[in-house]
N, C-alpha and C. Protein backbone atom coordinates (compact mmCIF):
# COMPACT_ATOMS: atom_id res chain seq x y z
N UNK A 1 105.22 88.55 105.96
CA UNK A 1 104.44 89.10 104.89
C UNK A 1 105.04 88.61 103.57
N UNK A 2 104.18 88.29 102.65
CA UNK A 2 104.66 87.82 101.36
C UNK A 2 105.25 88.98 100.57
N UNK A 3 105.99 88.65 99.52
CA UNK A 3 106.57 89.70 98.68
C UNK A 3 105.49 90.57 98.05
N UNK A 4 104.41 89.95 97.61
CA UNK A 4 103.31 90.70 97.01
C UNK A 4 102.69 91.62 98.05
N UNK A 5 102.46 91.09 99.24
CA UNK A 5 101.88 91.91 100.30
C UNK A 5 102.77 93.07 100.67
N UNK A 6 104.09 92.81 100.78
CA UNK A 6 105.05 93.87 101.10
C UNK A 6 105.08 94.92 100.00
N UNK A 7 105.09 94.47 98.74
CA UNK A 7 105.10 95.41 97.62
C UNK A 7 103.84 96.26 97.60
N UNK A 8 102.70 95.65 97.88
CA UNK A 8 101.45 96.40 97.91
C UNK A 8 101.43 97.39 99.07
N UNK A 9 101.97 96.98 100.21
CA UNK A 9 102.03 97.88 101.36
C UNK A 9 102.89 99.08 101.03
N UNK A 10 104.05 98.85 100.43
CA UNK A 10 104.94 99.95 100.05
C UNK A 10 104.25 100.84 99.02
N UNK A 11 103.62 100.24 98.04
CA UNK A 11 102.95 101.03 97.00
C UNK A 11 101.82 101.86 97.59
N UNK A 12 101.02 101.27 98.44
CA UNK A 12 99.91 102.01 99.06
C UNK A 12 100.44 103.12 99.96
N UNK A 13 101.49 102.83 100.71
CA UNK A 13 102.09 103.83 101.60
C UNK A 13 102.64 104.98 100.78
N UNK A 14 103.35 104.66 99.71
CA UNK A 14 103.94 105.68 98.85
C UNK A 14 102.86 106.57 98.26
N UNK A 15 101.82 105.98 97.77
CA UNK A 15 100.74 106.75 97.18
C UNK A 15 100.05 107.59 98.26
N UNK A 16 99.90 107.04 99.44
CA UNK A 16 99.32 107.80 100.54
C UNK A 16 100.16 109.01 100.89
N UNK A 17 101.48 108.87 100.88
CA UNK A 17 102.38 109.99 101.16
C UNK A 17 102.22 111.08 100.11
N UNK A 18 102.06 110.67 98.88
CA UNK A 18 101.97 111.64 97.80
C UNK A 18 100.55 112.17 97.61
N UNK A 19 99.59 111.67 98.41
CA UNK A 19 98.26 112.25 98.44
C UNK A 19 97.24 111.64 97.49
N UNK A 20 97.51 110.47 96.92
CA UNK A 20 96.55 109.84 96.01
C UNK A 20 95.75 108.78 96.76
N UNK A 21 94.80 108.19 96.07
CA UNK A 21 93.98 107.13 96.65
C UNK A 21 94.77 105.83 96.72
N UNK A 22 94.27 104.88 97.52
CA UNK A 22 94.95 103.60 97.62
C UNK A 22 94.70 102.77 96.38
N UNK A 23 95.56 101.80 96.17
CA UNK A 23 95.46 100.95 94.99
C UNK A 23 94.44 99.84 95.20
N UNK A 24 93.49 99.64 94.30
CA UNK A 24 92.52 98.57 94.46
C UNK A 24 93.16 97.20 94.35
N UNK A 25 94.21 97.04 93.56
CA UNK A 25 94.87 95.75 93.42
C UNK A 25 95.45 95.31 94.77
N UNK A 26 96.05 96.23 95.46
CA UNK A 26 96.63 95.90 96.76
C UNK A 26 95.55 95.58 97.78
N UNK A 27 94.43 96.24 97.69
CA UNK A 27 93.34 95.97 98.62
C UNK A 27 92.86 94.54 98.46
N UNK A 28 92.89 94.04 97.21
CA UNK A 28 92.46 92.66 96.98
C UNK A 28 93.52 91.68 97.47
N UNK A 29 94.80 92.05 97.39
CA UNK A 29 95.87 91.14 97.79
C UNK A 29 96.09 91.15 99.30
N UNK A 30 95.70 92.21 99.98
CA UNK A 30 95.99 92.36 101.41
C UNK A 30 95.40 91.25 102.28
N UNK A 31 94.13 90.84 102.12
CA UNK A 31 93.62 89.78 103.01
C UNK A 31 94.44 88.48 102.93
N UNK A 32 94.84 88.09 101.74
CA UNK A 32 95.65 86.88 101.61
C UNK A 32 97.00 87.08 102.26
N UNK A 33 97.56 88.24 102.10
CA UNK A 33 98.87 88.52 102.70
C UNK A 33 98.76 88.51 104.22
N UNK A 34 97.66 89.06 104.76
CA UNK A 34 97.49 89.06 106.21
C UNK A 34 97.26 87.65 106.76
N UNK A 35 96.59 86.81 105.99
CA UNK A 35 96.33 85.45 106.45
C UNK A 35 97.63 84.65 106.58
N UNK A 36 98.56 84.87 105.66
CA UNK A 36 99.81 84.13 105.72
C UNK A 36 100.83 84.80 106.63
N UNK A 37 100.66 86.10 106.91
CA UNK A 37 101.63 86.82 107.74
C UNK A 37 101.71 86.27 109.15
N UNK A 38 100.59 85.81 109.68
CA UNK A 38 100.57 85.29 111.05
C UNK A 38 101.37 84.01 111.17
N UNK A 39 101.46 83.24 110.10
CA UNK A 39 102.18 81.98 110.16
C UNK A 39 103.66 82.10 109.79
N UNK A 40 104.10 83.28 109.34
CA UNK A 40 105.47 83.46 108.92
C UNK A 40 106.30 84.08 110.05
N UNK A 41 107.61 83.80 110.03
CA UNK A 41 108.49 84.40 111.04
C UNK A 41 108.61 85.91 110.85
N UNK A 42 109.20 86.56 111.83
CA UNK A 42 109.41 88.01 111.75
C UNK A 42 110.23 88.34 110.51
N UNK A 43 110.03 89.52 109.94
CA UNK A 43 110.78 89.90 108.74
C UNK A 43 112.28 89.93 109.00
N UNK A 44 113.03 89.56 108.00
CA UNK A 44 114.49 89.57 108.11
C UNK A 44 114.99 91.01 108.05
N UNK A 45 116.26 91.19 108.41
CA UNK A 45 116.86 92.52 108.38
C UNK A 45 116.86 93.08 106.97
N UNK A 46 117.15 92.23 105.98
CA UNK A 46 117.18 92.76 104.62
C UNK A 46 115.79 93.16 104.13
N UNK A 47 114.76 92.44 104.56
CA UNK A 47 113.40 92.82 104.17
C UNK A 47 112.99 94.13 104.83
N UNK A 48 113.29 94.29 106.11
CA UNK A 48 112.98 95.54 106.80
C UNK A 48 113.73 96.71 106.18
N UNK A 49 115.00 96.48 105.87
CA UNK A 49 115.82 97.54 105.28
C UNK A 49 115.31 97.91 103.89
N UNK A 50 114.94 96.91 103.10
CA UNK A 50 114.42 97.16 101.76
C UNK A 50 113.11 97.96 101.83
N UNK A 51 112.24 97.60 102.76
CA UNK A 51 110.98 98.34 102.92
C UNK A 51 111.25 99.79 103.30
N UNK A 52 112.12 100.00 104.28
CA UNK A 52 112.45 101.35 104.71
C UNK A 52 113.09 102.15 103.58
N UNK A 53 113.94 101.50 102.81
CA UNK A 53 114.61 102.18 101.69
C UNK A 53 113.61 102.61 100.62
N UNK A 54 112.65 101.75 100.32
CA UNK A 54 111.63 102.09 99.33
C UNK A 54 110.79 103.27 99.82
N UNK A 55 110.43 103.25 101.08
CA UNK A 55 109.66 104.35 101.65
C UNK A 55 110.49 105.64 101.66
N UNK A 56 111.78 105.50 101.95
CA UNK A 56 112.65 106.67 101.97
C UNK A 56 112.67 107.35 100.60
N UNK A 57 112.76 106.56 99.55
CA UNK A 57 112.78 107.13 98.20
C UNK A 57 111.52 107.94 97.93
N UNK A 58 110.38 107.42 98.34
CA UNK A 58 109.12 108.14 98.14
C UNK A 58 109.07 109.42 98.96
N UNK A 59 109.54 109.35 100.20
CA UNK A 59 109.52 110.53 101.07
C UNK A 59 110.47 111.60 100.56
N UNK A 60 111.63 111.19 100.08
CA UNK A 60 112.58 112.17 99.53
C UNK A 60 111.99 112.89 98.31
N UNK A 61 111.25 112.15 97.49
CA UNK A 61 110.58 112.79 96.34
C UNK A 61 109.56 113.80 96.84
N UNK A 62 108.81 113.43 97.86
CA UNK A 62 107.81 114.34 98.41
C UNK A 62 108.47 115.56 99.05
N UNK A 63 109.62 115.37 99.70
CA UNK A 63 110.34 116.49 100.29
C UNK A 63 110.82 117.47 99.21
N UNK A 64 111.26 116.93 98.10
CA UNK A 64 111.80 117.76 97.02
C UNK A 64 110.70 118.39 96.18
N UNK A 65 109.49 117.89 96.30
CA UNK A 65 108.41 118.26 95.39
C UNK A 65 107.66 119.53 95.73
N UNK A 66 108.01 120.36 96.48
CA UNK A 66 107.16 121.53 96.60
C UNK A 66 106.82 121.90 98.02
N UNK A 67 105.65 122.43 98.22
CA UNK A 67 105.32 122.98 99.54
C UNK A 67 105.40 121.91 100.63
N UNK A 68 105.95 122.32 101.73
CA UNK A 68 106.13 121.40 102.86
C UNK A 68 104.79 121.18 103.56
N UNK A 69 104.38 119.93 103.64
CA UNK A 69 103.11 119.60 104.27
C UNK A 69 103.35 118.75 105.50
N UNK A 70 102.51 118.90 106.52
CA UNK A 70 102.67 118.11 107.75
C UNK A 70 102.63 116.60 107.50
N UNK A 71 101.91 116.16 106.48
CA UNK A 71 101.85 114.72 106.20
C UNK A 71 103.21 114.19 105.76
N UNK A 72 103.97 115.03 105.07
CA UNK A 72 105.31 114.61 104.64
C UNK A 72 106.22 114.46 105.85
N UNK A 73 106.13 115.40 106.79
CA UNK A 73 106.93 115.30 108.01
C UNK A 73 106.57 114.05 108.80
N UNK A 74 105.30 113.75 108.88
CA UNK A 74 104.85 112.53 109.56
C UNK A 74 105.41 111.28 108.86
N UNK A 75 105.41 111.30 107.54
CA UNK A 75 105.95 110.18 106.77
C UNK A 75 107.46 110.04 106.99
N UNK A 76 108.16 111.16 107.06
CA UNK A 76 109.60 111.12 107.35
C UNK A 76 109.84 110.45 108.69
N UNK A 77 109.08 110.84 109.69
CA UNK A 77 109.25 110.25 111.03
C UNK A 77 108.97 108.76 111.02
N UNK A 78 108.01 108.33 110.23
CA UNK A 78 107.71 106.90 110.11
C UNK A 78 108.87 106.15 109.48
N UNK A 79 109.45 106.71 108.44
CA UNK A 79 110.56 106.05 107.75
C UNK A 79 111.79 105.99 108.67
N UNK A 80 112.06 107.06 109.39
CA UNK A 80 113.18 107.05 110.33
C UNK A 80 112.95 105.97 111.38
N UNK A 81 111.73 105.84 111.86
CA UNK A 81 111.41 104.78 112.83
C UNK A 81 111.59 103.40 112.21
N UNK A 82 111.27 103.28 110.92
CA UNK A 82 111.48 101.99 110.23
C UNK A 82 112.96 101.64 110.16
N UNK A 83 113.81 102.63 109.89
CA UNK A 83 115.25 102.38 109.89
C UNK A 83 115.72 101.99 111.29
N UNK A 84 115.19 102.64 112.31
CA UNK A 84 115.54 102.27 113.69
C UNK A 84 115.07 100.86 114.04
N UNK A 85 113.96 100.44 113.47
CA UNK A 85 113.44 99.09 113.72
C UNK A 85 114.40 98.02 113.22
N UNK A 86 115.10 98.29 112.14
CA UNK A 86 116.10 97.34 111.64
C UNK A 86 117.14 97.10 112.73
N UNK A 87 117.61 98.17 113.34
CA UNK A 87 118.65 98.07 114.38
C UNK A 87 118.09 97.40 115.63
N UNK A 88 116.88 97.77 116.00
CA UNK A 88 116.27 97.22 117.21
C UNK A 88 116.01 95.71 117.08
N UNK A 89 115.53 95.28 115.94
CA UNK A 89 115.17 93.87 115.75
C UNK A 89 116.36 92.99 115.36
N UNK A 90 117.34 93.57 114.68
CA UNK A 90 118.49 92.79 114.19
C UNK A 90 119.78 93.56 114.46
N UNK A 91 120.16 93.72 115.74
CA UNK A 91 121.31 94.57 116.09
C UNK A 91 122.66 94.08 115.57
N UNK A 92 122.77 92.83 115.17
CA UNK A 92 124.04 92.33 114.66
C UNK A 92 124.08 92.25 113.13
N UNK A 93 123.05 92.75 112.50
CA UNK A 93 122.97 92.71 111.04
C UNK A 93 123.94 93.70 110.41
N UNK A 94 124.37 93.38 109.22
CA UNK A 94 125.21 94.29 108.46
C UNK A 94 124.47 95.51 107.94
N UNK A 95 123.16 95.51 108.08
CA UNK A 95 122.35 96.64 107.63
C UNK A 95 122.25 97.75 108.69
N UNK A 96 122.64 97.47 109.91
CA UNK A 96 122.42 98.41 111.00
C UNK A 96 123.10 99.75 110.80
N UNK A 97 124.36 99.73 110.42
CA UNK A 97 125.06 101.01 110.25
C UNK A 97 124.45 101.81 109.10
N UNK A 98 124.09 101.12 108.02
CA UNK A 98 123.43 101.80 106.91
C UNK A 98 122.08 102.39 107.34
N UNK A 99 121.34 101.61 108.11
CA UNK A 99 120.02 102.07 108.56
C UNK A 99 120.15 103.31 109.45
N UNK A 100 121.10 103.30 110.36
CA UNK A 100 121.29 104.46 111.23
C UNK A 100 121.75 105.68 110.42
N UNK A 101 122.66 105.46 109.49
CA UNK A 101 123.16 106.55 108.66
C UNK A 101 122.04 107.17 107.82
N UNK A 102 121.27 106.32 107.17
CA UNK A 102 120.19 106.81 106.31
C UNK A 102 119.07 107.45 107.11
N UNK A 103 118.78 106.87 108.28
CA UNK A 103 117.78 107.48 109.15
C UNK A 103 118.21 108.86 109.61
N UNK A 104 119.48 108.99 109.98
CA UNK A 104 120.02 110.28 110.42
C UNK A 104 120.00 111.29 109.27
N UNK A 105 120.38 110.84 108.09
CA UNK A 105 120.40 111.74 106.93
C UNK A 105 119.00 112.22 106.58
N UNK A 106 118.02 111.33 106.68
CA UNK A 106 116.65 111.72 106.38
C UNK A 106 116.12 112.68 107.45
N UNK A 107 116.44 112.41 108.71
CA UNK A 107 116.02 113.32 109.78
C UNK A 107 116.66 114.70 109.58
N UNK A 108 117.90 114.71 109.18
CA UNK A 108 118.58 115.99 108.92
C UNK A 108 117.91 116.74 107.77
N UNK A 109 117.59 116.03 106.71
CA UNK A 109 116.90 116.67 105.58
C UNK A 109 115.56 117.25 106.02
N UNK A 110 114.86 116.52 106.87
CA UNK A 110 113.57 117.01 107.37
C UNK A 110 113.77 118.24 108.25
N UNK A 111 114.83 118.23 109.06
CA UNK A 111 115.12 119.41 109.88
C UNK A 111 115.39 120.62 108.99
N UNK A 112 116.16 120.42 107.95
CA UNK A 112 116.48 121.52 107.04
C UNK A 112 115.23 122.02 106.30
N UNK A 113 114.31 121.11 106.01
CA UNK A 113 113.10 121.49 105.29
C UNK A 113 112.04 122.13 106.20
N UNK A 114 111.88 121.57 107.40
CA UNK A 114 110.79 122.01 108.27
C UNK A 114 111.25 122.85 109.47
N UNK A 115 112.52 122.75 109.83
CA UNK A 115 113.03 123.51 110.96
C UNK A 115 112.59 123.00 112.33
N UNK A 116 112.07 121.79 112.39
CA UNK A 116 111.62 121.20 113.66
C UNK A 116 112.82 120.66 114.43
N UNK A 117 112.98 121.10 115.66
CA UNK A 117 114.14 120.67 116.46
C UNK A 117 114.11 119.17 116.74
N UNK A 118 112.93 118.58 116.72
CA UNK A 118 112.82 117.13 116.96
C UNK A 118 113.63 116.34 115.92
N UNK A 119 113.62 116.81 114.69
CA UNK A 119 114.37 116.10 113.64
C UNK A 119 115.87 116.26 113.84
N UNK A 120 116.30 117.43 114.27
CA UNK A 120 117.72 117.64 114.55
C UNK A 120 118.17 116.73 115.68
N UNK A 121 117.38 116.66 116.72
CA UNK A 121 117.69 115.80 117.86
C UNK A 121 117.76 114.34 117.44
N UNK A 122 116.83 113.92 116.61
CA UNK A 122 116.81 112.54 116.12
C UNK A 122 118.05 112.25 115.29
N UNK A 123 118.40 113.15 114.39
CA UNK A 123 119.58 112.95 113.55
C UNK A 123 120.83 112.81 114.41
N UNK A 124 120.99 113.68 115.39
CA UNK A 124 122.17 113.61 116.27
C UNK A 124 122.18 112.33 117.09
N UNK A 125 121.02 111.94 117.59
CA UNK A 125 120.94 110.70 118.38
C UNK A 125 121.34 109.49 117.55
N UNK A 126 120.86 109.42 116.31
CA UNK A 126 121.20 108.28 115.45
C UNK A 126 122.67 108.28 115.08
N UNK A 127 123.23 109.44 114.83
CA UNK A 127 124.66 109.52 114.50
C UNK A 127 125.52 109.08 115.69
N UNK A 128 125.15 109.52 116.88
CA UNK A 128 125.90 109.12 118.08
C UNK A 128 125.77 107.62 118.35
N UNK A 129 124.58 107.08 118.11
CA UNK A 129 124.38 105.64 118.26
C UNK A 129 125.22 104.87 117.25
N UNK A 130 125.27 105.36 116.04
CA UNK A 130 126.09 104.74 115.00
C UNK A 130 127.55 104.71 115.42
N UNK A 131 128.07 105.84 115.90
CA UNK A 131 129.47 105.91 116.30
C UNK A 131 129.78 105.03 117.49
N UNK A 132 128.87 104.93 118.43
CA UNK A 132 129.15 104.16 119.64
C UNK A 132 128.92 102.65 119.47
N UNK A 133 127.89 102.27 118.72
CA UNK A 133 127.55 100.85 118.59
C UNK A 133 128.21 100.16 117.40
N UNK A 134 128.60 100.92 116.39
CA UNK A 134 129.18 100.35 115.18
C UNK A 134 130.45 101.13 114.81
N UNK A 135 131.44 101.16 115.71
CA UNK A 135 132.63 102.01 115.51
C UNK A 135 133.48 101.60 114.31
N UNK A 136 133.37 100.38 113.83
CA UNK A 136 134.17 99.96 112.68
C UNK A 136 133.48 100.24 111.35
N UNK A 137 132.30 100.79 111.38
CA UNK A 137 131.56 101.10 110.17
C UNK A 137 132.25 102.22 109.40
N UNK A 138 132.14 102.16 108.08
CA UNK A 138 132.69 103.24 107.26
C UNK A 138 131.97 104.55 107.55
N UNK A 139 130.72 104.48 107.99
CA UNK A 139 129.96 105.68 108.31
C UNK A 139 130.39 106.28 109.65
N UNK A 140 130.86 105.44 110.55
CA UNK A 140 131.24 105.92 111.88
C UNK A 140 132.40 106.90 111.81
N UNK A 141 133.26 106.73 110.83
CA UNK A 141 134.41 107.63 110.69
C UNK A 141 133.99 109.05 110.33
N UNK A 142 132.86 109.19 109.68
CA UNK A 142 132.43 110.53 109.26
C UNK A 142 131.38 111.14 110.19
N UNK A 143 131.00 110.42 111.23
CA UNK A 143 129.98 110.97 112.13
C UNK A 143 130.44 112.22 112.89
N UNK A 144 131.71 112.35 113.30
CA UNK A 144 132.07 113.57 114.02
C UNK A 144 131.78 114.85 113.23
N UNK A 145 132.06 114.85 111.93
CA UNK A 145 131.78 116.05 111.14
C UNK A 145 130.28 116.27 110.97
N UNK A 146 129.52 115.16 110.92
CA UNK A 146 128.07 115.30 110.83
C UNK A 146 127.47 115.81 112.14
N UNK A 147 128.02 115.32 113.26
CA UNK A 147 127.55 115.78 114.57
C UNK A 147 127.90 117.25 114.76
N UNK A 148 129.04 117.68 114.26
CA UNK A 148 129.45 119.08 114.37
C UNK A 148 128.48 120.00 113.63
N UNK A 149 127.79 119.46 112.65
CA UNK A 149 126.80 120.24 111.90
C UNK A 149 125.79 120.77 112.88
């Protein structure tokens, strides 16, 4: 996906999370982005991580903004899955430990906001994966106290 296409996707997703209409500019750019996406290689780890990070920022704003809505929880789950996709597609990338840490932290925040046990389970699973697969990570040293939570 081109940078413009990725930016429009993030912008449209962010606006969708916050409950507004989609952007007409992105709708015009999307067909061109889709035409070139088929000929381009899979997204790099840094592109996947950047996309997930941008979505995370929007979801955190929505979490902090008021009444808890099911659409926000669904968006949180999507972002956590995006962070997991970084690890799944690029397991040797330097972004993996960050992605697992941030995914776990977001799942924990969602658990605290919504009380859904699924988010607690996800946060614990990601923390344990971080500790076992990336033991030299700076985040791995702090996972025991997070798991004890």
